[in-house]
């Protein structure tokens, strides 16, 4: 199993709107692609950041082929929607991790 992790730091000014939009629009849109089995949304609580809130959105896929298809076919549009809505109010980076059990 592969974990596609998106870490996002959002400014205080957009936090409530961003969180609602992520939970009701963006994450459901990502899951509707069919590339992921499940997801999890977590907020970093330590260290406390006075500049904003940091979240990790974790999407679980059965293999790297699903991640690559997501990145090639679906991610550009979904990421652009996020950027258009919250331009200059967030920073994000993405990592891929192999689940080791």
C-alpha atoms as a PDB file:
ATOM      1  CA  UNK A   1       0.000   0.000   0.000  1.00  0.00           C
ATOM      2  CA  UNK A   2       1.167   3.522  -0.840  1.00  0.00           C
ATOM      3  CA  UNK A   3       0.431   6.665   1.161  1.00  0.00           C
ATOM      4  CA  UNK A   4       0.119   9.905  -0.788  1.00  0.00           C
ATOM      5  CA  UNK A   5       0.577  12.618   1.825  1.00  0.00           C
ATOM      6  CA  UNK A   6      -0.220  16.277   1.196  1.00  0.00           C
ATOM      7  CA  UNK A   7       1.009  18.640   3.909  1.00  0.00           C
ATOM      8  CA  UNK A   8      -0.643  22.058   3.773  1.00  0.00           C
ATOM      9  CA  UNK A   9      -0.111  25.133   5.913  1.00  0.00           C
ATOM     10  CA  UNK A  10      -3.000  27.615   5.685  1.00  0.00           C
ATOM     11  CA  UNK A  11      -3.226  31.164   6.965  1.00  0.00           C
ATOM     12  CA  UNK A  12      -5.562  31.948   9.856  1.00  0.00           C
ATOM     13  CA  UNK A  13      -7.652  34.223   7.597  1.00  0.00           C
ATOM     14  CA  UNK A  14      -8.847  31.311   5.429  1.00  0.00           C
ATOM     15  CA  UNK A  15      -8.734  28.476   7.929  1.00  0.00           C
ATOM     16  CA  UNK A  16     -12.463  27.934   8.538  1.00  0.00           C
ATOM     17  CA  UNK A  17     -13.418  28.278   4.887  1.00  0.00           C
ATOM     18  CA  UNK A  18     -10.501  26.088   3.777  1.00  0.00           C
ATOM     19  CA  UNK A  19     -11.310  23.299   6.234  1.00  0.00           C
ATOM     20  CA  UNK A  20     -14.970  23.258   5.240  1.00  0.00           C
ATOM     21  CA  UNK A  21     -14.082  23.278   1.529  1.00  0.00           C
ATOM     22  CA  UNK A  22     -11.574  20.467   1.965  1.00  0.00           C
ATOM     23  CA  UNK A  23     -14.078  18.286   3.844  1.00  0.00           C
ATOM     24  CA  UNK A  24     -17.089  18.964   1.627  1.00  0.00           C
ATOM     25  CA  UNK A  25     -15.570  19.507  -1.835  1.00  0.00           C
ATOM     26  CA  UNK A  26     -11.879  18.788  -2.417  1.00  0.00           C
ATOM     27  CA  UNK A  27     -11.373  15.523  -0.532  1.00  0.00           C
ATOM     28  CA  UNK A  28     -14.639  14.053  -1.887  1.00  0.00           C
ATOM     29  CA  UNK A  29     -13.532  15.058  -5.411  1.00  0.00           C
ATOM     30  CA  UNK A  30     -10.177  13.322  -4.911  1.00  0.00           C
ATOM     31  CA  UNK A  31     -11.876  10.194  -3.596  1.00  0.00           C
ATOM     32  CA  UNK A  32     -14.321  10.180  -6.535  1.00  0.00           C
ATOM     33  CA  UNK A  33     -11.376   9.622  -8.889  1.00  0.00           C
ATOM     34  CA  UNK A  34     -11.345   6.013  -7.712  1.00  0.00           C
ATOM     35  CA  UNK A  35      -7.575   6.053  -7.298  1.00  0.00           C
ATOM     36  CA  UNK A  36      -7.610   5.836  -3.497  1.00  0.00           C
ATOM     37  CA  UNK A  37      -9.012   3.309  -1.045  1.00  0.00           C
ATOM     38  CA  UNK A  38      -9.367   5.686   1.909  1.00  0.00           C
ATOM     39  CA  UNK A  39      -8.169   8.963   3.338  1.00  0.00           C
ATOM     40  CA  UNK A  40      -7.446  10.694   6.615  1.00  0.00           C
ATOM     41  CA  UNK A  41      -7.236  14.393   7.541  1.00  0.00           C
ATOM     42  CA  UNK A  42      -5.071  15.409  10.502  1.00  0.00           C
ATOM     43  CA  UNK A  43      -4.074  18.760  12.013  1.00  0.00           C
ATOM     44  CA  UNK A  44      -0.634  19.297  13.487  1.00  0.00           C
ATOM     45  CA  UNK A  45      -0.904  20.315  17.145  1.00  0.00           C
ATOM     46  CA  UNK A  46       2.764  20.456  18.146  1.00  0.00           C
ATOM     47  CA  UNK A  47       4.623  22.633  17.581  1.00  0.00           C
ATOM     48  CA  UNK A  48       2.024  25.401  17.600  1.00  0.00           C
ATOM     49  CA  UNK A  49       2.485  27.763  14.660  1.00  0.00           C
ATOM     50  CA  UNK A  50       1.392  31.365  15.160  1.00  0.00           C
ATOM     51  CA  UNK A  51       1.275  31.957  11.392  1.00  0.00           C
ATOM     52  CA  UNK A  52      -1.411  29.407  10.565  1.00  0.00           C
ATOM     53  CA  UNK A  53      -2.560  25.830  10.782  1.00  0.00           C
ATOM     54  CA  UNK A  54      -0.790  22.817   9.279  1.00  0.00           C
ATOM     55  CA  UNK A  55      -2.685  19.787   8.054  1.00  0.00           C
ATOM     56  CA  UNK A  56      -1.776  16.439   6.549  1.00  0.00           C
ATOM     57  CA  UNK A  57      -4.220  14.933   4.090  1.00  0.00           C
ATOM     58  CA  UNK A  58      -3.367  11.271   3.675  1.00  0.00           C
ATOM     59  CA  UNK A  59      -4.691   9.230   0.783  1.00  0.00           C
ATOM     60  CA  UNK A  60      -4.133   5.464   0.690  1.00  0.00           C
ATOM     61  CA  UNK A  61      -3.716   3.672  -2.645  1.00  0.00           C
ATOM     62  CA  UNK A  62      -3.238   0.006  -3.464  1.00  0.00           C
ATOM     63  CA  UNK A  63      -0.134   0.690  -5.538  1.00  0.00           C
ATOM     64  CA  UNK A  64       2.120   3.234  -7.191  1.00  0.00           C
ATOM     65  CA  UNK A  65       0.260   2.795 -10.492  1.00  0.00           C
ATOM     66  CA  UNK A  66      -2.839   4.370  -8.929  1.00  0.00           C
ATOM     67  CA  UNK A  67      -0.809   7.322  -7.602  1.00  0.00           C
ATOM     68  CA  UNK A  68       0.822   7.888 -10.994  1.00  0.00           C
ATOM     69  CA  UNK A  69      -2.544   7.796 -12.744  1.00  0.00           C
ATOM     70  CA  UNK A  70      -3.952  10.249 -10.197  1.00  0.00           C
ATOM     71  CA  UNK A  71      -0.984  12.590 -10.702  1.00  0.00           C
ATOM     72  CA  UNK A  72      -1.171  12.394 -14.503  1.00  0.00           C
ATOM     73  CA  UNK A  73      -4.928  12.504 -15.055  1.00  0.00           C
ATOM     74  CA  UNK A  74      -6.663  14.104 -12.068  1.00  0.00           C
ATOM     75  CA  UNK A  75      -4.241  16.074  -9.896  1.00  0.00           C
ATOM     76  CA  UNK A  76      -3.548  19.027 -12.219  1.00  0.00           C
ATOM     77  CA  UNK A  77      -7.218  20.117 -12.301  1.00  0.00           C
ATOM     78  CA  UNK A  78      -7.860  19.475  -8.606  1.00  0.00           C
ATOM     79  CA  UNK A  79      -4.686  21.241  -7.502  1.00  0.00           C
ATOM     80  CA  UNK A  80      -5.480  24.212  -9.752  1.00  0.00           C
ATOM     81  CA  UNK A  81      -8.936  24.547  -8.179  1.00  0.00           C
ATOM     82  CA  UNK A  82      -7.262  24.690  -4.754  1.00  0.00           C
ATOM     83  CA  UNK A  83      -4.704  27.247  -5.922  1.00  0.00           C
ATOM     84  CA  UNK A  84      -7.343  29.431  -7.568  1.00  0.00           C
ATOM     85  CA  UNK A  85      -9.453  29.462  -4.420  1.00  0.00           C
ATOM     86  CA  UNK A  86      -6.652  30.077  -1.876  1.00  0.00           C
ATOM     87  CA  UNK A  87      -3.892  31.727  -3.910  1.00  0.00           C
ATOM     88  CA  UNK A  88      -1.034  33.090  -1.797  1.00  0.00           C
ATOM     89  CA  UNK A  89      -2.738  31.923   1.429  1.00  0.00           C
ATOM     90  CA  UNK A  90      -1.174  28.459   1.730  1.00  0.00           C
ATOM     91  CA  UNK A  91       1.936  26.397   1.107  1.00  0.00           C
ATOM     92  CA  UNK A  92       1.841  22.703   0.285  1.00  0.00           C
ATOM     93  CA  UNK A  93       4.141  19.814  -0.413  1.00  0.00           C
ATOM     94  CA  UNK A  94       3.489  16.219  -1.352  1.00  0.00           C
ATOM     95  CA  UNK A  95       5.259  13.002  -0.392  1.00  0.00           C
ATOM     96  CA  UNK A  96       4.838   9.347  -1.285  1.00  0.00           C
ATOM     97  CA  UNK A  97       5.422   6.717   1.366  1.00  0.00           C
ATOM     98  CA  UNK A  98       5.303   2.936   1.279  1.00  0.00           C
ATOM     99  CA  UNK A  99       3.330   1.471   4.176  1.00  0.00           C
ATOM    100  CA  UNK A 100       5.564  -0.903   6.139  1.00  0.00           C
ATOM    101  CA  UNK A 101       3.807  -3.226   8.536  1.00  0.00           C
END
